[in-house]
Amino acid sequence: MATKEGYIRFGLVGSADIIGVLRGGQFCAIELKTLTGKLTPAQVAFGDTIKNIGGVYIVARSTREAISSVNSLLLDHVGETRGDDVGSIKKEQ
């Protein structure tokens, strides 16, 4: 977060920009990068840790890619629990 004095950092070094939990308790982390942005060593380590514990780690290079990734994750989890409360997202047949 930017202030007049500079940036305020919070969270773990290397942690993803967006963090959540999917239905069933699976951890999900999304790192947002520009088209040419590179992951720092700390971000790579964070992503490896998430994947090693069975979580989902996504590097998205656009808003569209981030939204598409989240939609895919939600659709993948519809069949695992009641899908009627997922909102307007419906799994295609």
N, C-alpha and C. Protein backbone atom coordinates (compact mmCIF):
# COMPACT_ATOMS: atom_id res chain seq x y z
N MET A 1 0.84 -1.17 0.00
CA MET A 1 0.00 0.00 0.00
C MET A 1 0.90 1.24 0.00
N ALA A 2 0.61 2.18 -0.84
CA ALA A 2 1.41 3.40 -0.93
C ALA A 2 0.87 4.48 0.01
N THR A 3 1.78 5.16 0.66
CA THR A 3 1.43 6.31 1.50
C THR A 3 2.34 7.46 1.10
N LYS A 4 2.16 8.62 1.70
CA LYS A 4 3.04 9.77 1.41
C LYS A 4 4.48 9.46 1.80
N GLU A 5 4.65 8.62 2.81
CA GLU A 5 5.99 8.30 3.29
C GLU A 5 6.64 7.15 2.52
N GLY A 6 5.89 6.44 1.72
CA GLY A 6 6.43 5.30 0.96
C GLY A 6 5.44 4.14 0.98
N TYR A 7 5.96 2.94 0.86
CA TYR A 7 5.12 1.75 0.83
C TYR A 7 5.08 1.09 2.20
N ILE A 8 3.93 0.53 2.53
CA ILE A 8 3.78 -0.27 3.73
C ILE A 8 3.72 -1.72 3.27
N ARG A 9 4.62 -2.52 3.77
CA ARG A 9 4.64 -3.94 3.41
C ARG A 9 3.90 -4.75 4.47
N PHE A 10 3.20 -5.77 4.04
CA PHE A 10 2.55 -6.68 4.97
C PHE A 10 2.54 -8.06 4.36
N GLY A 11 2.40 -9.08 5.19
CA GLY A 11 2.43 -10.45 4.71
C GLY A 11 3.85 -10.99 4.65
N LEU A 12 3.96 -12.20 4.16
CA LEU A 12 5.26 -12.85 4.02
C LEU A 12 6.00 -12.34 2.79
N VAL A 13 7.31 -12.28 2.87
CA VAL A 13 8.10 -11.93 1.69
C VAL A 13 7.88 -13.02 0.65
N GLY A 14 7.50 -12.62 -0.56
CA GLY A 14 7.27 -13.58 -1.63
C GLY A 14 5.85 -14.10 -1.72
N SER A 15 5.00 -13.75 -0.76
CA SER A 15 3.63 -14.27 -0.82
C SER A 15 2.89 -13.66 -2.01
N ALA A 16 1.89 -14.38 -2.47
CA ALA A 16 1.14 -13.98 -3.65
C ALA A 16 0.27 -12.75 -3.37
N ASP A 17 -0.13 -12.10 -4.45
CA ASP A 17 -0.96 -10.90 -4.35
C ASP A 17 -2.39 -11.21 -3.90
N ILE A 18 -2.89 -12.36 -4.33
CA ILE A 18 -4.25 -12.77 -3.97
C ILE A 18 -4.16 -14.16 -3.34
N ILE A 19 -4.76 -14.29 -2.16
CA ILE A 19 -4.73 -15.56 -1.44
C ILE A 19 -6.15 -15.92 -1.04
N GLY A 20 -6.49 -17.19 -1.20
CA GLY A 20 -7.82 -17.64 -0.82
C GLY A 20 -7.84 -19.13 -0.54
N VAL A 21 -9.00 -19.61 -0.21
CA VAL A 21 -9.20 -21.03 0.06
C VAL A 21 -10.37 -21.50 -0.78
N LEU A 22 -10.14 -22.56 -1.54
CA LEU A 22 -11.19 -23.13 -2.37
C LEU A 22 -12.09 -24.03 -1.53
N ARG A 23 -13.24 -24.34 -2.08
CA ARG A 23 -14.14 -25.28 -1.43
C ARG A 23 -13.38 -26.56 -1.11
N GLY A 24 -13.58 -27.09 0.04
CA GLY A 24 -12.87 -28.29 0.44
C GLY A 24 -11.56 -27.98 1.16
N GLY A 25 -11.21 -26.70 1.25
CA GLY A 25 -10.04 -26.31 2.02
C GLY A 25 -8.73 -26.20 1.26
N GLN A 26 -8.75 -26.33 -0.06
CA GLN A 26 -7.52 -26.23 -0.83
C GLN A 26 -7.07 -24.77 -0.92
N PHE A 27 -5.81 -24.54 -0.54
CA PHE A 27 -5.23 -23.20 -0.55
C PHE A 27 -5.00 -22.76 -1.99
N CYS A 28 -5.24 -21.50 -2.29
CA CYS A 28 -5.05 -20.96 -3.63
C CYS A 28 -4.34 -19.62 -3.53
N ALA A 29 -3.31 -19.44 -4.35
CA ALA A 29 -2.56 -18.19 -4.37
C ALA A 29 -2.36 -17.76 -5.82
N ILE A 30 -2.59 -16.48 -6.08
CA ILE A 30 -2.43 -15.94 -7.43
C ILE A 30 -1.44 -14.78 -7.37
N GLU A 31 -0.38 -14.90 -8.13
CA GLU A 31 0.62 -13.83 -8.26
C GLU A 31 0.33 -13.08 -9.55
N LEU A 32 0.22 -11.78 -9.48
CA LEU A 32 -0.07 -10.95 -10.64
C LEU A 32 1.22 -10.33 -11.16
N LYS A 33 1.47 -10.52 -12.45
CA LYS A 33 2.67 -9.98 -13.08
C LYS A 33 2.31 -9.33 -14.41
N THR A 34 3.15 -8.41 -14.85
CA THR A 34 2.98 -7.86 -16.19
C THR A 34 3.42 -8.92 -17.19
N LEU A 35 3.26 -8.63 -18.47
CA LEU A 35 3.66 -9.59 -19.49
C LEU A 35 5.15 -9.94 -19.41
N THR A 36 5.97 -9.00 -18.98
CA THR A 36 7.41 -9.25 -18.91
C THR A 36 7.92 -9.40 -17.49
N GLY A 37 7.03 -9.29 -16.50
CA GLY A 37 7.44 -9.37 -15.10
C GLY A 37 8.00 -10.74 -14.75
N LYS A 38 9.00 -10.75 -13.90
CA LYS A 38 9.64 -11.99 -13.48
C LYS A 38 9.40 -12.23 -11.99
N LEU A 39 9.23 -13.50 -11.64
CA LEU A 39 9.09 -13.85 -10.24
C LEU A 39 10.42 -13.67 -9.53
N THR A 40 10.36 -13.17 -8.30
CA THR A 40 11.56 -13.09 -7.49
C THR A 40 11.86 -14.48 -6.93
N PRO A 41 13.08 -14.72 -6.48
CA PRO A 41 13.37 -16.01 -5.85
C PRO A 41 12.42 -16.32 -4.69
N ALA A 42 12.05 -15.31 -3.91
CA ALA A 42 11.11 -15.53 -2.80
C ALA A 42 9.73 -15.94 -3.31
N GLN A 43 9.30 -15.37 -4.44
CA GLN A 43 8.00 -15.73 -5.02
C GLN A 43 8.03 -17.16 -5.57
N VAL A 44 9.13 -17.54 -6.18
CA VAL A 44 9.28 -18.92 -6.67
C VAL A 44 9.21 -19.89 -5.50
N ALA A 45 9.92 -19.57 -4.41
CA ALA A 45 9.92 -20.43 -3.22
C ALA A 45 8.53 -20.54 -2.62
N PHE A 46 7.81 -19.41 -2.55
CA PHE A 46 6.45 -19.41 -2.03
C PHE A 46 5.56 -20.31 -2.89
N GLY A 47 5.64 -20.15 -4.22
CA GLY A 47 4.84 -20.97 -5.13
C GLY A 47 5.16 -22.44 -5.00
N ASP A 48 6.44 -22.77 -4.87
CA ASP A 48 6.84 -24.18 -4.70
C ASP A 48 6.27 -24.75 -3.40
N THR A 49 6.30 -23.96 -2.34
CA THR A 49 5.75 -24.41 -1.07
C THR A 49 4.26 -24.68 -1.18
N ILE A 50 3.54 -23.77 -1.81
CA ILE A 50 2.09 -23.94 -1.98
C ILE A 50 1.79 -25.21 -2.76
N LYS A 51 2.51 -25.42 -3.86
CA LYS A 51 2.28 -26.61 -4.68
C LYS A 51 2.65 -27.89 -3.93
N ASN A 52 3.73 -27.84 -3.13
CA ASN A 52 4.18 -29.02 -2.38
C ASN A 52 3.19 -29.45 -1.30
N ILE A 53 2.39 -28.52 -0.79
CA ILE A 53 1.40 -28.88 0.23
C ILE A 53 0.02 -29.15 -0.39
N GLY A 54 -0.03 -29.22 -1.73
CA GLY A 54 -1.28 -29.55 -2.40
C GLY A 54 -2.15 -28.36 -2.76
N GLY A 55 -1.60 -27.17 -2.66
CA GLY A 55 -2.36 -25.98 -3.02
C GLY A 55 -2.22 -25.64 -4.49
N VAL A 56 -2.88 -24.58 -4.89
CA VAL A 56 -2.85 -24.10 -6.26
C VAL A 56 -2.09 -22.77 -6.29
N TYR A 57 -1.10 -22.66 -7.17
CA TYR A 57 -0.35 -21.42 -7.33
C TYR A 57 -0.42 -21.01 -8.79
N ILE A 58 -0.89 -19.81 -9.04
CA ILE A 58 -1.09 -19.32 -10.41
C ILE A 58 -0.32 -18.03 -10.59
N VAL A 59 0.37 -17.92 -11.72
CA VAL A 59 0.96 -16.64 -12.12
C VAL A 59 0.11 -16.13 -13.28
N ALA A 60 -0.56 -15.02 -13.06
CA ALA A 60 -1.45 -14.43 -14.07
C ALA A 60 -0.80 -13.17 -14.61
N ARG A 61 -0.82 -13.02 -15.91
CA ARG A 61 -0.16 -11.89 -16.56
C ARG A 61 -1.14 -10.85 -17.10
N SER A 62 -2.41 -11.00 -16.75
CA SER A 62 -3.42 -10.00 -17.10
C SER A 62 -4.63 -10.22 -16.20
N THR A 63 -5.48 -9.22 -16.13
CA THR A 63 -6.71 -9.35 -15.37
C THR A 63 -7.55 -10.47 -15.94
N ARG A 64 -7.62 -10.54 -17.26
CA ARG A 64 -8.40 -11.58 -17.93
C ARG A 64 -7.89 -12.97 -17.56
N GLU A 65 -6.58 -13.14 -17.53
CA GLU A 65 -6.00 -14.43 -17.18
C GLU A 65 -6.30 -14.79 -15.72
N ALA A 66 -6.23 -13.82 -14.83
CA ALA A 66 -6.53 -14.07 -13.41
C ALA A 66 -7.99 -14.51 -13.25
N ILE A 67 -8.90 -13.79 -13.90
CA ILE A 67 -10.33 -14.12 -13.80
C ILE A 67 -10.60 -15.48 -14.42
N SER A 68 -10.01 -15.75 -15.56
CA SER A 68 -10.19 -17.04 -16.21
C SER A 68 -9.70 -18.18 -15.33
N SER A 69 -8.56 -17.98 -14.68
CA SER A 69 -8.00 -19.01 -13.80
C SER A 69 -8.92 -19.27 -12.62
N VAL A 70 -9.45 -18.20 -12.01
CA VAL A 70 -10.36 -18.36 -10.89
C VAL A 70 -11.63 -19.06 -11.34
N ASN A 71 -12.19 -18.67 -12.48
CA ASN A 71 -13.39 -19.34 -12.99
C ASN A 71 -13.15 -20.82 -13.20
N SER A 72 -12.00 -21.18 -13.77
CA SER A 72 -11.67 -22.59 -14.00
C SER A 72 -11.59 -23.35 -12.68
N LEU A 73 -10.97 -22.73 -11.67
CA LEU A 73 -10.88 -23.38 -10.36
C LEU A 73 -12.25 -23.59 -9.76
N LEU A 74 -13.12 -22.58 -9.86
CA LEU A 74 -14.47 -22.71 -9.33
C LEU A 74 -15.25 -23.80 -10.05
N LEU A 75 -15.12 -23.85 -11.35
CA LEU A 75 -15.82 -24.88 -12.13
C LEU A 75 -15.31 -26.27 -11.79
N ASP A 76 -14.01 -26.39 -11.55
CA ASP A 76 -13.44 -27.69 -11.19
C ASP A 76 -13.97 -28.17 -9.85
N HIS A 77 -14.33 -27.24 -8.96
CA HIS A 77 -14.78 -27.60 -7.62
C HIS A 77 -16.30 -27.70 -7.50
N VAL A 78 -17.05 -27.40 -8.56
CA VAL A 78 -18.51 -27.44 -8.49
C VAL A 78 -19.00 -28.83 -8.14
N GLY A 79 -18.44 -29.85 -8.76
CA GLY A 79 -18.91 -31.21 -8.52
C GLY A 79 -18.52 -31.77 -7.17
N GLU A 80 -17.57 -31.14 -6.49
CA GLU A 80 -17.08 -31.67 -5.23
C GLU A 80 -17.99 -31.35 -4.06
N THR A 81 -18.76 -30.28 -4.16
CA THR A 81 -19.71 -29.90 -3.11
C THR A 81 -20.96 -29.40 -3.80
N ARG A 82 -21.90 -28.92 -3.04
CA ARG A 82 -23.11 -28.36 -3.65
C ARG A 82 -22.73 -27.24 -4.60
N GLY A 83 -23.11 -27.35 -5.85
CA GLY A 83 -22.77 -26.34 -6.82
C GLY A 83 -23.81 -25.25 -6.98
N ASP A 84 -24.91 -25.35 -6.24
CA ASP A 84 -25.99 -24.39 -6.45
C ASP A 84 -25.69 -23.03 -5.86
N ASP A 85 -24.66 -22.91 -5.03
CA ASP A 85 -24.37 -21.61 -4.44
C ASP A 85 -23.11 -20.98 -5.03
N VAL A 86 -22.73 -21.40 -6.22
CA VAL A 86 -21.54 -20.86 -6.88
C VAL A 86 -21.89 -19.60 -7.66
N GLY A 87 -23.11 -19.19 -7.61
CA GLY A 87 -23.50 -17.98 -8.33
C GLY A 87 -23.87 -18.31 -9.76
N SER A 88 -23.44 -17.45 -10.67
CA SER A 88 -23.85 -17.62 -12.06
C SER A 88 -22.91 -18.56 -12.82
N ILE A 89 -21.89 -19.06 -12.16
CA ILE A 89 -20.94 -19.94 -12.85
C ILE A 89 -21.54 -21.33 -12.95
N LYS A 90 -21.62 -21.85 -14.14
CA LYS A 90 -22.17 -23.19 -14.34
C LYS A 90 -21.15 -24.01 -15.13
N LYS A 91 -21.01 -25.26 -14.76
CA LYS A 91 -20.09 -26.15 -15.44
C LYS A 91 -20.69 -26.55 -16.78
N GLU A 92 -19.89 -26.35 -17.84
CA GLU A 92 -20.36 -26.73 -19.17
C GLU A 92 -20.32 -28.25 -19.31
N GLN A 93 -21.27 -28.76 -20.09
CA GLN A 93 -21.31 -30.21 -20.28
C GLN A 93 -20.81 -30.59 -21.64
